[in-house]
N, C-alpha and C. Protein backbone atom coordinates (compact mmCIF):
# COMPACT_ATOMS: atom_id res chain seq x y z
N UNK A 1 -13.73 9.03 -17.91
CA UNK A 1 -14.48 9.09 -16.68
C UNK A 1 -14.49 7.73 -15.95
N UNK A 2 -14.65 6.63 -16.72
CA UNK A 2 -14.66 5.31 -16.11
C UNK A 2 -13.34 5.01 -15.43
N UNK A 3 -12.24 5.45 -16.05
CA UNK A 3 -10.91 5.21 -15.49
C UNK A 3 -10.79 5.87 -14.12
N UNK A 4 -11.30 7.08 -13.97
CA UNK A 4 -11.23 7.79 -12.70
C UNK A 4 -12.03 7.07 -11.63
N UNK A 5 -13.22 6.59 -11.97
CA UNK A 5 -14.06 5.85 -11.02
C UNK A 5 -13.35 4.56 -10.59
N UNK A 6 -12.72 3.89 -11.57
CA UNK A 6 -11.99 2.66 -11.27
C UNK A 6 -10.84 2.94 -10.30
N UNK A 7 -10.09 4.02 -10.55
CA UNK A 7 -8.99 4.38 -9.67
C UNK A 7 -9.50 4.72 -8.27
N UNK A 8 -10.60 5.44 -8.18
CA UNK A 8 -11.17 5.79 -6.88
C UNK A 8 -11.57 4.54 -6.10
N UNK A 9 -12.17 3.58 -6.80
CA UNK A 9 -12.58 2.32 -6.15
C UNK A 9 -11.35 1.53 -5.69
N UNK A 10 -10.33 1.45 -6.55
CA UNK A 10 -9.10 0.75 -6.18
C UNK A 10 -8.47 1.39 -4.95
N UNK A 11 -8.44 2.73 -4.94
CA UNK A 11 -7.83 3.44 -3.83
C UNK A 11 -8.61 3.19 -2.53
N UNK A 12 -9.92 3.25 -2.60
CA UNK A 12 -10.73 3.03 -1.39
C UNK A 12 -10.62 1.59 -0.90
N UNK A 13 -10.60 0.63 -1.82
CA UNK A 13 -10.44 -0.77 -1.43
C UNK A 13 -9.10 -1.00 -0.73
N UNK A 14 -8.03 -0.43 -1.28
CA UNK A 14 -6.71 -0.58 -0.68
C UNK A 14 -6.65 0.14 0.67
N UNK A 15 -7.22 1.33 0.75
CA UNK A 15 -7.24 2.06 2.03
C UNK A 15 -7.94 1.24 3.11
N UNK A 16 -9.05 0.62 2.76
CA UNK A 16 -9.79 -0.20 3.73
C UNK A 16 -8.94 -1.38 4.20
N UNK A 17 -8.27 -2.03 3.25
CA UNK A 17 -7.40 -3.16 3.59
C UNK A 17 -6.28 -2.70 4.53
N UNK A 18 -5.66 -1.58 4.20
CA UNK A 18 -4.54 -1.09 5.00
C UNK A 18 -4.98 -0.59 6.37
N UNK A 19 -6.16 0.01 6.45
CA UNK A 19 -6.70 0.42 7.76
C UNK A 19 -6.88 -0.80 8.66
N UNK A 20 -7.32 -1.92 8.10
CA UNK A 20 -7.49 -3.14 8.88
C UNK A 20 -6.14 -3.66 9.36
N UNK A 21 -5.13 -3.64 8.49
CA UNK A 21 -3.78 -4.04 8.93
C UNK A 21 -3.31 -3.17 10.08
N UNK A 22 -3.49 -1.86 9.95
CA UNK A 22 -3.05 -0.94 10.99
C UNK A 22 -3.81 -1.22 12.29
N UNK A 23 -5.11 -1.51 12.19
CA UNK A 23 -5.92 -1.82 13.38
C UNK A 23 -5.35 -3.05 14.10
N UNK A 24 -4.78 -3.97 13.33
CA UNK A 24 -4.18 -5.18 13.89
C UNK A 24 -2.77 -4.94 14.43
N UNK A 25 -2.29 -3.70 14.34
CA UNK A 25 -0.97 -3.36 14.87
C UNK A 25 0.17 -3.57 13.90
N UNK A 26 -0.14 -3.76 12.62
CA UNK A 26 0.90 -3.95 11.61
C UNK A 26 1.39 -2.59 11.13
N UNK A 27 2.70 -2.41 11.16
CA UNK A 27 3.30 -1.15 10.73
C UNK A 27 3.26 -1.05 9.20
N UNK A 28 2.93 0.13 8.69
CA UNK A 28 2.86 0.37 7.25
C UNK A 28 3.93 1.36 6.83
N UNK A 29 4.67 0.98 5.77
CA UNK A 29 5.75 1.82 5.28
C UNK A 29 5.61 2.03 3.78
N UNK A 30 6.05 3.19 3.32
CA UNK A 30 6.09 3.51 1.90
C UNK A 30 7.53 3.87 1.58
N UNK A 31 8.19 3.03 0.79
CA UNK A 31 9.61 3.20 0.47
C UNK A 31 10.45 3.37 1.74
N UNK A 32 10.15 2.54 2.75
CA UNK A 32 10.95 2.51 3.97
C UNK A 32 10.58 3.54 5.03
N UNK A 33 9.63 4.41 4.74
CA UNK A 33 9.23 5.45 5.69
C UNK A 33 7.82 5.16 6.21
N UNK A 34 7.61 5.38 7.51
CA UNK A 34 6.29 5.20 8.09
C UNK A 34 5.27 6.01 7.30
N UNK A 35 4.11 5.41 7.03
CA UNK A 35 3.12 6.08 6.19
C UNK A 35 1.71 5.72 6.63
N UNK A 36 0.73 6.38 6.03
CA UNK A 36 -0.67 6.15 6.35
C UNK A 36 -1.33 5.34 5.23
N UNK A 37 -2.45 4.70 5.54
CA UNK A 37 -3.19 3.99 4.48
C UNK A 37 -3.54 4.91 3.31
N UNK A 38 -3.91 6.14 3.59
CA UNK A 38 -4.28 7.09 2.54
C UNK A 38 -3.10 7.39 1.62
N UNK A 39 -1.94 7.67 2.20
CA UNK A 39 -0.75 7.99 1.40
C UNK A 39 -0.32 6.80 0.54
N UNK A 40 -0.35 5.61 1.12
CA UNK A 40 0.07 4.42 0.39
C UNK A 40 -0.89 4.12 -0.75
N UNK A 41 -2.19 4.16 -0.47
CA UNK A 41 -3.18 3.88 -1.51
C UNK A 41 -3.05 4.85 -2.66
N UNK A 42 -2.88 6.12 -2.35
CA UNK A 42 -2.73 7.13 -3.40
C UNK A 42 -1.50 6.85 -4.26
N UNK A 43 -0.38 6.58 -3.62
CA UNK A 43 0.86 6.31 -4.35
C UNK A 43 0.72 5.08 -5.25
N UNK A 44 0.07 4.04 -4.74
CA UNK A 44 -0.08 2.80 -5.52
C UNK A 44 -0.97 3.01 -6.74
N UNK A 45 -2.04 3.77 -6.59
CA UNK A 45 -3.00 3.96 -7.68
C UNK A 45 -2.46 4.90 -8.76
N UNK A 46 -1.70 5.93 -8.37
CA UNK A 46 -1.24 6.90 -9.37
C UNK A 46 0.18 6.64 -9.87
N UNK A 47 0.80 5.55 -9.41
CA UNK A 47 2.18 5.25 -9.81
C UNK A 47 2.31 5.20 -11.34
N UNK A 48 3.28 5.92 -11.84
CA UNK A 48 3.59 5.90 -13.27
C UNK A 48 4.99 5.33 -13.44
N UNK A 49 5.24 4.70 -14.56
CA UNK A 49 6.55 4.11 -14.88
C UNK A 49 6.98 3.03 -13.90
N UNK A 50 5.98 2.42 -13.24
CA UNK A 50 6.31 1.35 -12.31
C UNK A 50 5.11 1.00 -11.46
N UNK A 51 5.41 0.24 -10.41
CA UNK A 51 4.36 -0.20 -9.49
C UNK A 51 4.96 -0.35 -8.10
N UNK A 52 4.11 -0.52 -7.12
CA UNK A 52 4.58 -0.75 -5.76
C UNK A 52 4.46 -2.22 -5.43
N UNK A 53 5.56 -2.79 -4.91
CA UNK A 53 5.62 -4.18 -4.50
C UNK A 53 5.54 -4.23 -2.97
N UNK A 54 4.77 -5.16 -2.48
CA UNK A 54 4.66 -5.32 -1.02
C UNK A 54 5.78 -6.22 -0.52
N UNK A 55 6.41 -5.78 0.55
CA UNK A 55 7.44 -6.57 1.22
C UNK A 55 6.96 -6.81 2.65
N UNK A 56 6.58 -8.06 2.93
CA UNK A 56 6.04 -8.42 4.24
C UNK A 56 7.19 -8.85 5.15
N UNK A 57 7.18 -8.35 6.38
CA UNK A 57 8.15 -8.75 7.38
C UNK A 57 7.37 -9.34 8.55
N UNK A 58 7.80 -10.51 8.98
CA UNK A 58 7.08 -11.19 10.04
C UNK A 58 7.96 -11.57 11.20
N UNK A 59 7.29 -12.00 12.25
CA UNK A 59 7.98 -12.45 13.45
C UNK A 59 7.05 -13.43 14.15
N UNK A 60 7.55 -14.58 14.50
CA UNK A 60 6.73 -15.56 15.19
C UNK A 60 5.55 -16.03 14.37
N UNK A 61 5.70 -16.05 13.04
CA UNK A 61 4.63 -16.51 12.17
C UNK A 61 3.54 -15.48 11.91
N UNK A 62 3.73 -14.24 12.38
CA UNK A 62 2.75 -13.18 12.16
C UNK A 62 3.38 -12.01 11.41
N UNK A 63 2.58 -11.36 10.59
CA UNK A 63 3.05 -10.16 9.87
C UNK A 63 3.19 -9.02 10.87
N UNK A 64 4.33 -8.36 10.85
CA UNK A 64 4.59 -7.23 11.74
C UNK A 64 4.69 -5.91 10.97
N UNK A 65 5.09 -6.00 9.68
CA UNK A 65 5.35 -4.79 8.91
C UNK A 65 5.11 -5.09 7.43
N UNK A 66 4.55 -4.09 6.73
CA UNK A 66 4.41 -4.19 5.28
C UNK A 66 5.03 -2.92 4.70
N UNK A 67 6.04 -3.11 3.85
CA UNK A 67 6.69 -1.98 3.18
C UNK A 67 6.31 -2.02 1.70
N UNK A 68 5.78 -0.92 1.22
CA UNK A 68 5.45 -0.78 -0.20
C UNK A 68 6.64 -0.10 -0.87
N UNK A 69 7.34 -0.85 -1.72
CA UNK A 69 8.53 -0.32 -2.40
C UNK A 69 8.26 -0.14 -3.88
N UNK A 70 8.64 1.02 -4.40
CA UNK A 70 8.45 1.32 -5.81
C UNK A 70 9.42 0.52 -6.66
N UNK A 71 8.89 -0.10 -7.71
CA UNK A 71 9.70 -0.87 -8.64
C UNK A 71 9.43 -0.30 -10.03
N UNK A 72 10.49 0.16 -10.69
CA UNK A 72 10.34 0.75 -12.03
C UNK A 72 10.09 -0.30 -13.08
N UNK A 73 9.24 0.05 -14.06
CA UNK A 73 9.04 -0.80 -15.21
C UNK A 73 10.31 -0.78 -16.05
N UNK A 74 10.58 -1.89 -16.71
CA UNK A 74 11.76 -1.94 -17.57
C UNK A 74 11.41 -1.56 -18.98
């Protein structure tokens, strides 16, 4: 039960962070495809056999895009 609560908190924290990025006009991608904060947070929290790595793309010293790419565990 504690694990589920922890996952829910992690997911909500990440969703809040990503909603703020989106509010700032930063594009969010999941494995190269446009995505929502909800979809990305869910994928990151339930990922098995790996994790999602953030790839930040910037322009003029500002973040323009964040792509969450799945990386398999070895």
